[in-house]
PDB file of N, CA and C in Angstrom:
ATOM      1  N   UNK A   1       7.438  11.534 -15.472  1.00  0.00           N
ATOM      2  CA  UNK A   1       8.056  10.859 -14.326  1.00  0.00           C
ATOM      3  C   UNK A   1       9.264  10.083 -14.773  1.00  0.00           C
ATOM      4  N   UNK A   2      10.374  10.295 -14.055  1.00  0.00           N
ATOM      5  CA  UNK A   2      11.551   9.520 -14.471  1.00  0.00           C
ATOM      6  C   UNK A   2      11.471   8.085 -13.925  1.00  0.00           C
ATOM      7  N   UNK A   3      12.282   7.210 -14.633  1.00  0.00           N
ATOM      8  CA  UNK A   3      12.362   5.863 -14.025  1.00  0.00           C
ATOM      9  C   UNK A   3      12.998   5.740 -12.685  1.00  0.00           C
ATOM     10  N   UNK A   4      13.836   6.796 -12.375  1.00  0.00           N
ATOM     11  CA  UNK A   4      14.530   6.804 -11.010  1.00  0.00           C
ATOM     12  C   UNK A   4      13.391   7.105  -9.994  1.00  0.00           C
ATOM     13  N   UNK A   5      12.410   7.889 -10.242  1.00  0.00           N
ATOM     14  CA  UNK A   5      11.407   8.169  -9.296  1.00  0.00           C
ATOM     15  C   UNK A   5      10.597   6.901  -9.095  1.00  0.00           C
ATOM     16  N   UNK A   6      10.314   6.179 -10.150  1.00  0.00           N
ATOM     17  CA  UNK A   6       9.573   4.897 -10.111  1.00  0.00           C
ATOM     18  C   UNK A   6      10.434   3.875  -9.299  1.00  0.00           C
ATOM     19  N   UNK A   7      11.642   3.878  -9.563  1.00  0.00           N
ATOM     20  CA  UNK A   7      12.544   2.920  -8.848  1.00  0.00           C
ATOM     21  C   UNK A   7      12.661   3.286  -7.340  1.00  0.00           C
ATOM     22  N   UNK A   8      12.658   4.542  -7.046  1.00  0.00           N
ATOM     23  CA  UNK A   8      12.658   4.972  -5.608  1.00  0.00           C
ATOM     24  C   UNK A   8      11.357   4.567  -4.931  1.00  0.00           C
ATOM     25  N   UNK A   9      10.262   4.772  -5.667  1.00  0.00           N
ATOM     26  CA  UNK A   9       8.930   4.362  -5.036  1.00  0.00           C
ATOM     27  C   UNK A   9       8.907   2.851  -4.780  1.00  0.00           C
ATOM     28  N   UNK A  10       9.377   2.074  -5.691  1.00  0.00           N
ATOM     29  CA  UNK A  10       9.330   0.659  -5.509  1.00  0.00           C
ATOM     30  C   UNK A  10      10.265   0.250  -4.357  1.00  0.00           C
ATOM     31  N   UNK A  11      11.452   0.940  -4.285  1.00  0.00           N
ATOM     32  CA  UNK A  11      12.373   0.689  -3.176  1.00  0.00           C
ATOM     33  C   UNK A  11      11.714   0.972  -1.841  1.00  0.00           C
ATOM     34  N   UNK A  12      11.099   2.087  -1.767  1.00  0.00           N
ATOM     35  CA  UNK A  12      10.422   2.506  -0.441  1.00  0.00           C
ATOM     36  C   UNK A  12       9.341   1.467  -0.115  1.00  0.00           C
ATOM     37  N   UNK A  13       8.493   1.147  -1.107  1.00  0.00           N
ATOM     38  CA  UNK A  13       7.458   0.178  -0.826  1.00  0.00           C
ATOM     39  C   UNK A  13       7.963  -1.152  -0.466  1.00  0.00           C
ATOM     40  N   UNK A  14       9.031  -1.650  -1.078  1.00  0.00           N
ATOM     41  CA  UNK A  14       9.674  -2.869  -0.737  1.00  0.00           C
ATOM     42  C   UNK A  14      10.196  -2.862   0.707  1.00  0.00           C
ATOM     43  N   UNK A  15      10.914  -1.778   1.075  1.00  0.00           N
ATOM     44  CA  UNK A  15      11.447  -1.628   2.355  1.00  0.00           C
ATOM     45  C   UNK A  15      10.308  -1.765   3.468  1.00  0.00           C
ATOM     46  N   UNK A  16       9.245  -1.090   3.178  1.00  0.00           N
ATOM     47  CA  UNK A  16       8.132  -1.064   4.206  1.00  0.00           C
ATOM     48  C   UNK A  16       7.411  -2.418   4.270  1.00  0.00           C
ATOM     49  N   UNK A  17       7.042  -2.871   3.087  1.00  0.00           N
ATOM     50  CA  UNK A  17       6.209  -4.075   2.945  1.00  0.00           C
ATOM     51  C   UNK A  17       6.881  -5.337   3.378  1.00  0.00           C
ATOM     52  N   UNK A  18       8.211  -5.530   2.905  1.00  0.00           N
ATOM     53  CA  UNK A  18       8.950  -6.753   3.146  1.00  0.00           C
ATOM     54  C   UNK A  18       9.448  -6.779   4.568  1.00  0.00           C
ATOM     55  N   UNK A  19       9.343  -5.769   5.316  1.00  0.00           N
ATOM     56  CA  UNK A  19       9.695  -5.743   6.737  1.00  0.00           C
ATOM     57  C   UNK A  19       8.541  -6.378   7.624  1.00  0.00           C
ATOM     58  N   UNK A  20       7.374  -6.542   6.926  1.00  0.00           N
ATOM     59  CA  UNK A  20       6.221  -7.113   7.693  1.00  0.00           C
ATOM     60  C   UNK A  20       6.279  -8.569   7.623  1.00  0.00           C
ATOM     61  N   UNK A  21       5.939  -9.241   8.713  1.00  0.00           N
ATOM     62  CA  UNK A  21       6.066 -10.774   8.751  1.00  0.00           C
ATOM     63  C   UNK A  21       5.276 -11.446   7.633  1.00  0.00           C
ATOM     64  N   UNK A  22       6.037 -12.358   6.988  1.00  0.00           N
ATOM     65  CA  UNK A  22       5.479 -13.207   5.984  1.00  0.00           C
ATOM     66  C   UNK A  22       4.998 -12.491   4.709  1.00  0.00           C
ATOM     67  N   UNK A  23       5.232 -11.189   4.608  1.00  0.00           N
ATOM     68  CA  UNK A  23       4.852 -10.438   3.353  1.00  0.00           C
ATOM     69  C   UNK A  23       5.730 -10.882   2.196  1.00  0.00           C
ATOM     70  N   UNK A  24       5.142 -10.957   1.097  1.00  0.00           N
ATOM     71  CA  UNK A  24       5.943 -11.316  -0.116  1.00  0.00           C
ATOM     72  C   UNK A  24       5.583 -10.475  -1.292  1.00  0.00           C
ATOM     73  N   UNK A  25       6.505 -10.313  -2.190  1.00  0.00           N
ATOM     74  CA  UNK A  25       6.299  -9.504  -3.411  1.00  0.00           C
ATOM     75  C   UNK A  25       5.872 -10.463  -4.538  1.00  0.00           C
ATOM     76  N   UNK A  26       4.924  -9.975  -5.314  1.00  0.00           N
ATOM     77  CA  UNK A  26       4.454 -10.754  -6.499  1.00  0.00           C
ATOM     78  C   UNK A  26       4.367  -9.757  -7.611  1.00  0.00           C
ATOM     79  N   UNK A  27       4.939 -10.220  -8.850  1.00  0.00           N
ATOM     80  CA  UNK A  27       4.904  -9.444 -10.003  1.00  0.00           C
ATOM     81  C   UNK A  27       3.765 -10.009 -10.891  1.00  0.00           C
ATOM     82  N   UNK A  28       2.774  -9.102 -11.275  1.00  0.00           N
ATOM     83  CA  UNK A  28       1.672  -9.577 -12.079  1.00  0.00           C
ATOM     84  C   UNK A  28       2.037  -9.699 -13.572  1.00  0.00           C
ATOM     85  N   UNK A  29       1.105 -10.047 -14.325  1.00  0.00           N
ATOM     86  CA  UNK A  29       1.305 -10.239 -15.749  1.00  0.00           C
ATOM     87  C   UNK A  29       1.660  -8.914 -16.541  1.00  0.00           C
ATOM     88  N   UNK A  30       1.359  -7.775 -15.898  1.00  0.00           N
ATOM     89  CA  UNK A  30       1.752  -6.506 -16.503  1.00  0.00           C
ATOM     90  C   UNK A  30       3.010  -5.985 -15.950  1.00  0.00           C
ATOM     91  N   UNK A  31       3.739  -6.716 -15.136  1.00  0.00           N
ATOM     92  CA  UNK A  31       5.001  -6.249 -14.576  1.00  0.00           C
ATOM     93  C   UNK A  31       4.872  -5.314 -13.407  1.00  0.00           C
ATOM     94  N   UNK A  32       3.677  -5.277 -12.786  1.00  0.00           N
ATOM     95  CA  UNK A  32       3.433  -4.411 -11.608  1.00  0.00           C
ATOM     96  C   UNK A  32       3.695  -5.247 -10.363  1.00  0.00           C
ATOM     97  N   UNK A  33       4.252  -4.593  -9.388  1.00  0.00           N
ATOM     98  CA  UNK A  33       4.530  -5.232  -8.096  1.00  0.00           C
ATOM     99  C   UNK A  33       3.266  -5.172  -7.189  1.00  0.00           C
ATOM    100  N   UNK A  34       3.010  -6.256  -6.552  1.00  0.00           N
ATOM    101  CA  UNK A  34       2.004  -6.330  -5.499  1.00  0.00           C
ATOM    102  C   UNK A  34       2.630  -7.039  -4.282  1.00  0.00           C
ATOM    103  N   UNK A  35       2.230  -6.590  -3.165  1.00  0.00           N
ATOM    104  CA  UNK A  35       2.812  -7.114  -1.879  1.00  0.00           C
ATOM    105  C   UNK A  35       1.615  -7.788  -1.218  1.00  0.00           C
ATOM    106  N   UNK A  36       1.877  -9.055  -0.828  1.00  0.00           N
ATOM    107  CA  UNK A  36       0.757  -9.941  -0.353  1.00  0.00           C
ATOM    108  C   UNK A  36       1.201 -10.611   0.951  1.00  0.00           C
ATOM    109  N   UNK A  37       0.109 -11.027   1.655  1.00  0.00           N
ATOM    110  CA  UNK A  37       0.272 -11.927   2.789  1.00  0.00           C
ATOM    111  C   UNK A  37      -0.700 -13.027   2.568  1.00  0.00           C
ATOM    112  N   UNK A  38      -0.173 -14.234   2.576  1.00  0.00           N
ATOM    113  CA  UNK A  38      -1.019 -15.415   2.323  1.00  0.00           C
ATOM    114  C   UNK A  38      -1.859 -15.334   1.088  1.00  0.00           C
ATOM    115  N   UNK A  39      -1.248 -14.718   0.035  1.00  0.00           N
ATOM    116  CA  UNK A  39      -1.938 -14.627  -1.257  1.00  0.00           C
ATOM    117  C   UNK A  39      -2.902 -13.518  -1.361  1.00  0.00           C
ATOM    118  N   UNK A  40      -3.120 -12.738  -0.347  1.00  0.00           N
ATOM    119  CA  UNK A  40      -4.012 -11.578  -0.386  1.00  0.00           C
ATOM    120  C   UNK A  40      -3.161 -10.243  -0.523  1.00  0.00           C
ATOM    121  N   UNK A  41      -3.501  -9.489  -1.473  1.00  0.00           N
ATOM    122  CA  UNK A  41      -2.768  -8.204  -1.736  1.00  0.00           C
ATOM    123  C   UNK A  41      -3.189  -7.215  -0.674  1.00  0.00           C
ATOM    124  N   UNK A  42      -2.113  -6.401  -0.280  1.00  0.00           N
ATOM    125  CA  UNK A  42      -2.474  -5.267   0.651  1.00  0.00           C
ATOM    126  C   UNK A  42      -1.809  -4.014   0.049  1.00  0.00           C
ATOM    127  N   UNK A  43      -0.889  -4.134  -0.866  1.00  0.00           N
ATOM    128  CA  UNK A  43      -0.324  -2.970  -1.628  1.00  0.00           C
ATOM    129  C   UNK A  43      -0.079  -3.372  -3.025  1.00  0.00           C
ATOM    130  N   UNK A  44      -0.384  -2.430  -3.926  1.00  0.00           N
ATOM    131  CA  UNK A  44      -0.112  -2.711  -5.389  1.00  0.00           C
ATOM    132  C   UNK A  44       0.477  -1.440  -5.967  1.00  0.00           C
ATOM    133  N   UNK A  45       1.441  -1.605  -6.840  1.00  0.00           N
ATOM    134  CA  UNK A  45       2.070  -0.495  -7.558  1.00  0.00           C
ATOM    135  C   UNK A  45       1.504  -0.588  -9.020  1.00  0.00           C
ATOM    136  N   UNK A  46       1.283   0.579  -9.632  1.00  0.00           N
ATOM    137  CA  UNK A  46       0.782   0.496 -11.060  1.00  0.00           C
ATOM    138  C   UNK A  46       1.305   1.758 -11.737  1.00  0.00           C
ATOM    139  N   UNK A  47       0.989   1.841 -13.032  1.00  0.00           N
ATOM    140  CA  UNK A  47       1.406   2.973 -13.855  1.00  0.00           C
ATOM    141  C   UNK A  47       0.220   3.413 -14.680  1.00  0.00           C
ATOM    142  N   UNK A  48       0.190   4.754 -14.904  1.00  0.00           N
ATOM    143  CA  UNK A  48      -0.777   5.298 -15.783  1.00  0.00           C
ATOM    144  C   UNK A  48      -0.085   6.463 -16.521  1.00  0.00           C
ATOM    145  N   UNK A  49      -0.842   7.177 -17.391  1.00  0.00           N
ATOM    146  CA  UNK A  49      -0.276   8.324 -18.039  1.00  0.00           C
ATOM    147  C   UNK A  49       0.223   9.412 -17.132  1.00  0.00           C
ATOM    148  N   UNK A  50      -0.438   9.468 -15.941  1.00  0.00           N
ATOM    149  CA  UNK A  50      -0.099  10.484 -14.992  1.00  0.00           C
ATOM    150  C   UNK A  50       1.131  10.176 -14.107  1.00  0.00           C
ATOM    151  N   UNK A  51       1.583   8.936 -14.189  1.00  0.00           N
ATOM    152  CA  UNK A  51       2.668   8.505 -13.349  1.00  0.00           C
ATOM    153  C   UNK A  51       2.460   7.155 -12.665  1.00  0.00           C
ATOM    154  N   UNK A  52       3.313   6.912 -11.692  1.00  0.00           N
ATOM    155  CA  UNK A  52       3.328   5.683 -10.949  1.00  0.00           C
ATOM    156  C   UNK A  52       2.379   5.835  -9.681  1.00  0.00           C
ATOM    157  N   UNK A  53       1.565   4.775  -9.477  1.00  0.00           N
ATOM    158  CA  UNK A  53       0.640   4.838  -8.349  1.00  0.00           C
ATOM    159  C   UNK A  53       0.923   3.743  -7.311  1.00  0.00           C
ATOM    160  N   UNK A  54       0.731   4.102  -6.068  1.00  0.00           N
ATOM    161  CA  UNK A  54       0.796   3.138  -4.992  1.00  0.00           C
ATOM    162  C   UNK A  54      -0.639   3.054  -4.430  1.00  0.00           C
ATOM    163  N   UNK A  55      -1.199   1.804  -4.397  1.00  0.00           N
ATOM    164  CA  UNK A  55      -2.563   1.616  -3.877  1.00  0.00           C
ATOM    165  C   UNK A  55      -2.466   0.663  -2.713  1.00  0.00           C
ATOM    166  N   UNK A  56      -3.361   0.916  -1.753  1.00  0.00           N
ATOM    167  CA  UNK A  56      -3.352   0.059  -0.556  1.00  0.00           C
ATOM    168  C   UNK A  56      -4.772  -0.182  -0.032  1.00  0.00           C
ATOM    169  N   UNK A  57      -4.864  -1.246   0.618  1.00  0.00           N
ATOM    170  CA  UNK A  57      -6.177  -1.657   1.196  1.00  0.00           C
ATOM    171  C   UNK A  57      -6.477  -0.852   2.407  1.00  0.00           C
ATOM    172  N   UNK A  58      -7.670  -0.305   2.468  1.00  0.00           N
ATOM    173  CA  UNK A  58      -8.110   0.569   3.555  1.00  0.00           C
ATOM    174  C   UNK A  58      -9.515   0.155   4.017  1.00  0.00           C
ATOM    175  N   UNK A  59      -9.991   0.767   5.115  1.00  0.00           N
ATOM    176  CA  UNK A  59     -11.374   0.580   5.438  1.00  0.00           C
ATOM    177  C   UNK A  59     -12.139   1.798   4.922  1.00  0.00           C
ATOM    178  N   UNK A  60     -13.445   1.695   4.952  1.00  0.00           N
ATOM    179  CA  UNK A  60     -14.269   2.770   4.344  1.00  0.00           C
ATOM    180  C   UNK A  60     -14.100   4.140   5.084  1.00  0.00           C
ATOM    181  N   UNK A  61     -13.949   4.076   6.456  1.00  0.00           N
ATOM    182  CA  UNK A  61     -13.877   5.293   7.186  1.00  0.00           C
ATOM    183  C   UNK A  61     -12.480   6.005   6.833  1.00  0.00           C
ATOM    184  N   UNK A  62     -11.397   5.225   6.789  1.00  0.00           N
ATOM    185  CA  UNK A  62     -10.101   5.809   6.441  1.00  0.00           C
ATOM    186  C   UNK A  62     -10.096   6.316   5.065  1.00  0.00           C
ATOM    187  N   UNK A  63     -10.764   5.567   4.178  1.00  0.00           N
ATOM    188  CA  UNK A  63     -10.820   6.020   2.778  1.00  0.00           C
ATOM    189  C   UNK A  63     -11.468   7.357   2.705  1.00  0.00           C
ATOM    190  N   UNK A  64     -12.579   7.538   3.321  1.00  0.00           N
ATOM    191  CA  UNK A  64     -13.331   8.840   3.341  1.00  0.00           C
ATOM    192  C   UNK A  64     -12.369   9.953   3.773  1.00  0.00           C
ATOM    193  N   UNK A  65     -11.658   9.696   4.813  1.00  0.00           N
ATOM    194  CA  UNK A  65     -10.778  10.793   5.324  1.00  0.00           C
ATOM    195  C   UNK A  65      -9.615  11.092   4.337  1.00  0.00           C
ATOM    196  N   UNK A  66      -9.030   9.992   3.737  1.00  0.00           N
ATOM    197  CA  UNK A  66      -7.915  10.209   2.861  1.00  0.00           C
ATOM    198  C   UNK A  66      -8.367  10.914   1.564  1.00  0.00           C
ATOM    199  N   UNK A  67      -9.558  10.593   1.083  1.00  0.00           N
ATOM    200  CA  UNK A  67     -10.096  11.173  -0.122  1.00  0.00           C
ATOM    201  C   UNK A  67     -10.268  12.687  -0.033  1.00  0.00           C
ATOM    202  N   UNK A  68     -10.264  13.228   1.202  1.00  0.00           N
ATOM    203  CA  UNK A  68     -10.399  14.619   1.413  1.00  0.00           C
ATOM    204  C   UNK A  68      -9.075  15.337   1.130  1.00  0.00           C
ATOM    205  N   UNK A  69      -7.991  14.575   1.119  1.00  0.00           N
ATOM    206  CA  UNK A  69      -6.672  15.124   0.851  1.00  0.00           C
ATOM    207  C   UNK A  69      -6.473  15.112  -0.651  1.00  0.00           C
ATOM    208  N   UNK A  70      -5.841  16.097  -1.191  1.00  0.00           N
ATOM    209  CA  UNK A  70      -5.649  16.264  -2.542  1.00  0.00           C
ATOM    210  C   UNK A  70      -4.861  15.155  -3.279  1.00  0.00           C
ATOM    211  N   UNK A  71      -3.868  14.564  -2.617  1.00  0.00           N
ATOM    212  CA  UNK A  71      -2.963  13.600  -3.272  1.00  0.00           C
ATOM    213  C   UNK A  71      -3.568  12.214  -3.352  1.00  0.00           C
ATOM    214  N   UNK A  72      -4.640  11.950  -2.691  1.00  0.00           N
ATOM    215  CA  UNK A  72      -5.188  10.542  -2.662  1.00  0.00           C
ATOM    216  C   UNK A  72      -6.525  10.504  -3.537  1.00  0.00           C
ATOM    217  N   UNK A  73      -6.702   9.295  -4.101  1.00  0.00           N
ATOM    218  CA  UNK A  73      -7.891   9.097  -4.914  1.00  0.00           C
ATOM    219  C   UNK A  73      -8.362   7.633  -4.727  1.00  0.00           C
ATOM    220  N   UNK A  74      -9.583   7.426  -5.091  1.00  0.00           N
ATOM    221  CA  UNK A  74     -10.221   6.089  -5.032  1.00  0.00           C
ATOM    222  C   UNK A  74      -9.571   5.212  -6.101  1.00  0.00           C
ATOM    223  N   UNK A  75      -9.017   4.049  -5.759  1.00  0.00           N
ATOM    224  CA  UNK A  75      -8.433   3.143  -6.699  1.00  0.00           C
ATOM    225  C   UNK A  75      -9.466   2.624  -7.665  1.00  0.00           C
ATOM    226  N   UNK A  76      -9.212   2.825  -8.996  1.00  0.00           N
ATOM    227  CA  UNK A  76     -10.095   2.376 -10.017  1.00  0.00           C
ATOM    228  C   UNK A  76     -10.465   0.824  -9.810  1.00  0.00           C
ATOM    229  N   UNK A  77     -11.696   0.488 -10.084  1.00  0.00           N
ATOM    230  CA  UNK A  77     -12.165  -0.815  -9.988  1.00  0.00           C
ATOM    231  C   UNK A  77     -12.240  -1.445  -8.592  1.00  0.00           C
ATOM    232  N   UNK A  78     -11.310  -1.226  -7.703  1.00  0.00           N
ATOM    233  CA  UNK A  78     -11.348  -1.837  -6.368  1.00  0.00           C
ATOM    234  C   UNK A  78     -11.570  -0.816  -5.293  1.00  0.00           C
ATOM    235  N   UNK A  79     -11.727   0.457  -5.597  1.00  0.00           N
ATOM    236  CA  UNK A  79     -11.990   1.478  -4.683  1.00  0.00           C
ATOM    237  C   UNK A  79     -13.250   1.265  -3.841  1.00  0.00           C
ATOM    238  N   UNK A  80     -14.204   0.642  -4.463  1.00  0.00           N
ATOM    239  CA  UNK A  80     -15.436   0.389  -3.736  1.00  0.00           C
ATOM    240  C   UNK A  80     -15.258  -0.551  -2.579  1.00  0.00           C
ATOM    241  N   UNK A  81     -14.127  -1.244  -2.558  1.00  0.00           N
ATOM    242  CA  UNK A  81     -13.758  -2.206  -1.494  1.00  0.00           C
ATOM    243  C   UNK A  81     -12.834  -1.521  -0.448  1.00  0.00           C
ATOM    244  N   UNK A  82     -12.674  -0.212  -0.550  1.00  0.00           N
ATOM    245  CA  UNK A  82     -11.864   0.581   0.387  1.00  0.00           C
ATOM    246  C   UNK A  82     -10.461   0.862  -0.096  1.00  0.00           C
ATOM    247  N   UNK A  83     -10.072   0.435  -1.235  1.00  0.00           N
ATOM    248  CA  UNK A  83      -8.720   0.705  -1.682  1.00  0.00           C
ATOM    249  C   UNK A  83      -8.518   2.146  -2.032  1.00  0.00           C
ATOM    250  N   UNK A  84      -7.356   2.735  -1.664  1.00  0.00           N
ATOM    251  CA  UNK A  84      -7.054   4.150  -1.973  1.00  0.00           C
ATOM    252  C   UNK A  84      -5.656   4.187  -2.641  1.00  0.00           C
ATOM    253  N   UNK A  85      -5.431   5.119  -3.540  1.00  0.00           N
ATOM    254  CA  UNK A  85      -4.207   5.285  -4.249  1.00  0.00           C
ATOM    255  C   UNK A  85      -3.638   6.721  -4.024  1.00  0.00           C
ATOM    256  N   UNK A  86      -2.304   6.731  -4.266  1.00  0.00           N
ATOM    257  CA  UNK A  86      -1.632   7.952  -4.303  1.00  0.00           C
ATOM    258  C   UNK A  86      -0.682   7.931  -5.530  1.00  0.00           C
ATOM    259  N   UNK A  87      -0.714   8.959  -6.304  1.00  0.00           N
ATOM    260  CA  UNK A  87       0.155   9.145  -7.448  1.00  0.00           C
ATOM    261  C   UNK A  87       1.406   9.799  -7.205  1.00  0.00           C
ATOM    262  N   UNK A  88       2.618   9.321  -7.589  1.00  0.00           N
ATOM    263  CA  UNK A  88       3.863   9.921  -7.406  1.00  0.00           C
ATOM    264  C   UNK A  88       4.071  10.546  -6.021  1.00  0.00           C
ATOM    265  N   UNK A  89       4.034   9.652  -4.964  1.00  0.00           N
ATOM    266  CA  UNK A  89       4.193  10.177  -3.631  1.00  0.00           C
ATOM    267  C   UNK A  89       5.448  10.981  -3.447  1.00  0.00           C
ATOM    268  N   UNK A  90       5.386  12.013  -2.671  1.00  0.00           N
ATOM    269  CA  UNK A  90       6.550  12.859  -2.349  1.00  0.00           C
ATOM    270  C   UNK A  90       7.255  12.269  -1.162  1.00  0.00           C
ATOM    271  N   UNK A  91       8.463  12.756  -0.853  1.00  0.00           N
ATOM    272  CA  UNK A  91       9.221  12.323   0.228  1.00  0.00           C
ATOM    273  C   UNK A  91       8.451  12.448   1.573  1.00  0.00           C
ATOM    274  N   UNK A  92       7.809  13.520   1.740  1.00  0.00           N
ATOM    275  CA  UNK A  92       7.051  13.862   2.962  1.00  0.00           C
ATOM    276  C   UNK A  92       5.869  12.953   3.183  1.00  0.00           C
ATOM    277  N   UNK A  93       5.380  12.268   2.137  1.00  0.00           N
ATOM    278  CA  UNK A  93       4.235  11.389   2.189  1.00  0.00           C
ATOM    279  C   UNK A  93       4.546  10.016   2.917  1.00  0.00           C
ATOM    280  N   UNK A  94       5.822   9.676   2.926  1.00  0.00           N
ATOM    281  CA  UNK A  94       6.168   8.278   3.231  1.00  0.00           C
ATOM    282  C   UNK A  94       6.002   7.960   4.732  1.00  0.00           C
ATOM    283  N   UNK A  95       6.039   8.915   5.589  1.00  0.00           N
ATOM    284  CA  UNK A  95       5.741   8.618   6.980  1.00  0.00           C
ATOM    285  C   UNK A  95       4.343   8.180   7.160  1.00  0.00           C
ATOM    286  N   UNK A  96       3.419   8.977   6.546  1.00  0.00           N
ATOM    287  CA  UNK A  96       2.044   8.567   6.608  1.00  0.00           C
ATOM    288  C   UNK A  96       1.760   7.299   5.840  1.00  0.00           C
ATOM    289  N   UNK A  97       2.430   7.085   4.687  1.00  0.00           N
ATOM    290  CA  UNK A  97       2.252   5.897   3.933  1.00  0.00           C
ATOM    291  C   UNK A  97       2.654   4.633   4.693  1.00  0.00           C
ATOM    292  N   UNK A  98       3.788   4.794   5.452  1.00  0.00           N
ATOM    293  CA  UNK A  98       4.212   3.629   6.188  1.00  0.00           C
ATOM    294  C   UNK A  98       3.104   3.202   7.151  1.00  0.00           C
ATOM    295  N   UNK A  99       2.502   4.064   7.790  1.00  0.00           N
ATOM    296  CA  UNK A  99       1.358   3.731   8.756  1.00  0.00           C
ATOM    297  C   UNK A  99       0.219   3.101   8.016  1.00  0.00           C
ATOM    298  N   UNK A 100      -0.152   3.697   6.872  1.00  0.00           N
ATOM    299  CA  UNK A 100      -1.289   3.234   6.048  1.00  0.00           C
ATOM    300  C   UNK A 100      -0.985   1.831   5.424  1.00  0.00           C
ATOM    301  N   UNK A 101       0.282   1.606   5.068  1.00  0.00           N
ATOM    302  CA  UNK A 101       0.706   0.228   4.543  1.00  0.00           C
ATOM    303  C   UNK A 101       0.575  -0.769   5.705  1.00  0.00           C
ATOM    304  N   UNK A 102       1.064  -0.374   6.908  1.00  0.00           N
ATOM    305  CA  UNK A 102       0.989  -1.347   7.955  1.00  0.00           C
ATOM    306  C   UNK A 102      -0.470  -1.676   8.339  1.00  0.00           C
ATOM    307  N   UNK A 103      -1.334  -0.701   8.293  1.00  0.00           N
ATOM    308  CA  UNK A 103      -2.761  -0.929   8.489  1.00  0.00           C
ATOM    309  C   UNK A 103      -3.329  -1.836   7.434  1.00  0.00           C
ATOM    310  N   UNK A 104      -2.912  -1.608   6.168  1.00  0.00           N
ATOM    311  CA  UNK A 104      -3.388  -2.398   4.981  1.00  0.00           C
ATOM    312  C   UNK A 104      -2.935  -3.897   5.179  1.00  0.00           C
ATOM    313  N   UNK A 105      -1.690  -4.040   5.684  1.00  0.00           N
ATOM    314  CA  UNK A 105      -1.191  -5.408   5.942  1.00  0.00           C
ATOM    315  C   UNK A 105      -2.127  -6.097   6.968  1.00  0.00           C
ATOM    316  N   UNK A 106      -2.449  -5.351   8.033  1.00  0.00           N
ATOM    317  CA  UNK A 106      -3.247  -6.034   9.142  1.00  0.00           C
ATOM    318  C   UNK A 106      -4.606  -6.299   8.627  1.00  0.00           C
ATOM    319  N   UNK A 107      -5.139  -5.585   7.635  1.00  0.00           N
ATOM    320  CA  UNK A 107      -6.481  -5.918   7.060  1.00  0.00           C
ATOM    321  C   UNK A 107      -6.441  -7.192   6.297  1.00  0.00           C
ATOM    322  N   UNK A 108      -5.255  -7.588   5.703  1.00  0.00           N
ATOM    323  CA  UNK A 108      -5.137  -8.762   4.855  1.00  0.00           C
ATOM    324  C   UNK A 108      -4.602  -9.935   5.566  1.00  0.00           C
ATOM    325  N   UNK A 109      -3.892  -9.681   6.631  1.00  0.00           N
ATOM    326  CA  UNK A 109      -3.214 -10.760   7.428  1.00  0.00           C
ATOM    327  C   UNK A 109      -4.199 -11.714   8.188  1.00  0.00           C
ATOM    328  N   UNK A 110      -3.783 -12.909   8.380  1.00  0.00           N
ATOM    329  CA  UNK A 110      -4.595 -13.851   9.223  1.00  0.00           C
ATOM    330  C   UNK A 110      -4.765 -13.367  10.635  1.00  0.00           C
ATOM    331  N   UNK A 111      -5.766 -13.699  11.313  1.00  0.00           N
ATOM    332  CA  UNK A 111      -6.034 -13.235  12.702  1.00  0.00           C
ATOM    333  C   UNK A 111      -4.827 -13.529  13.627  1.00  0.00           C
ATOM    334  N   UNK A 112      -4.223 -14.619  13.465  1.00  0.00           N
ATOM    335  CA  UNK A 112      -3.090 -14.931  14.456  1.00  0.00           C
ATOM    336  C   UNK A 112      -2.015 -13.942  14.212  1.00  0.00           C
ATOM    337  N   UNK A 113      -1.770 -13.591  12.958  1.00  0.00           N
ATOM    338  CA  UNK A 113      -0.646 -12.588  12.729  1.00  0.00           C
ATOM    339  C   UNK A 113      -1.015 -11.199  13.195  1.00  0.00           C
ATOM    340  N   UNK A 114      -2.283 -10.877  13.150  1.00  0.00           N
ATOM    341  CA  UNK A 114      -2.758  -9.550  13.613  1.00  0.00           C
ATOM    342  C   UNK A 114      -2.562  -9.536  15.056  1.00  0.00           C
ATOM    343  N   UNK A 115      -2.878 -10.564  15.780  1.00  0.00           N
ATOM    344  CA  UNK A 115      -2.793 -10.677  17.239  1.00  0.00           C
ATOM    345  C   UNK A 115      -1.265 -10.574  17.613  1.00  0.00           C
ATOM    346  N   UNK A 116      -0.403 -11.286  16.916  1.00  0.00           N
ATOM    347  CA  UNK A 116       1.037 -11.162  17.198  1.00  0.00           C
ATOM    348  C   UNK A 116       1.553  -9.799  17.023  1.00  0.00           C
ATOM    349  N   UNK A 117       1.209  -9.184  15.874  1.00  0.00           N
ATOM    350  CA  UNK A 117       1.578  -7.776  15.515  1.00  0.00           C
ATOM    351  C   UNK A 117       1.191  -6.800  16.593  1.00  0.00           C
ATOM    352  N   UNK A 118      -0.145  -6.929  16.969  1.00  0.00           N
ATOM    353  CA  UNK A 118      -0.689  -5.995  18.057  1.00  0.00           C
ATOM    354  C   UNK A 118       0.136  -6.135  19.345  1.00  0.00           C
ATOM    355  N   UNK A 119       0.375  -7.382  19.716  1.00  0.00           N
ATOM    356  CA  UNK A 119       1.128  -7.610  20.955  1.00  0.00           C
ATOM    357  C   UNK A 119       2.534  -6.975  20.860  1.00  0.00           C
ATOM    358  N   UNK A 120       3.176  -7.159  19.750  1.00  0.00           N
ATOM    359  CA  UNK A 120       4.571  -6.702  19.632  1.00  0.00           C
ATOM    360  C   UNK A 120       4.664  -5.169  19.480  1.00  0.00           C
ATOM    361  N   UNK A 121       3.649  -4.536  19.025  1.00  0.00           N
ATOM    362  CA  UNK A 121       3.594  -3.073  18.741  1.00  0.00           C
ATOM    363  C   UNK A 121       2.761  -2.268  19.624  1.00  0.00           C
ATOM    364  N   UNK A 122       2.402  -2.777  20.784  1.00  0.00           N
ATOM    365  CA  UNK A 122       1.632  -1.943  21.720  1.00  0.00           C
ATOM    366  C   UNK A 122       2.453  -0.773  22.242  1.00  0.00           C
ATOM    367  N   UNK A 123       1.753   0.334  22.362  1.00  0.00           N
ATOM    368  CA  UNK A 123       2.531   1.522  22.768  1.00  0.00           C
ATOM    369  C   UNK A 123       2.247   1.793  24.246  1.00  0.00           C
TER     370      UNK A 123
END
């Protein structure tokens, strides 16, 4: 995996995450980016021998559905809490990832922010 691909993934994640109200980027002790709301992570980026990963908070039902797709896998250590990861997402994955990241944000956000978000984004 080239560093440009990693940089593009970080750029995409930043664009999506930081557009969400009060979301902030945090860099952990290993240099990995995490996106948080009120100190609670909803998206994390990491690296392994297989490439760069994007992990996000999910519920158990969504996790089961996503794990049926080849590109998704249960996030090590925190997967039992519903976290799902994707390694080296392709361009066509980002539309779905945007929705999944927004859902992850809503799982971590305070109730008042969830209510505001829901009211603003009713279809």
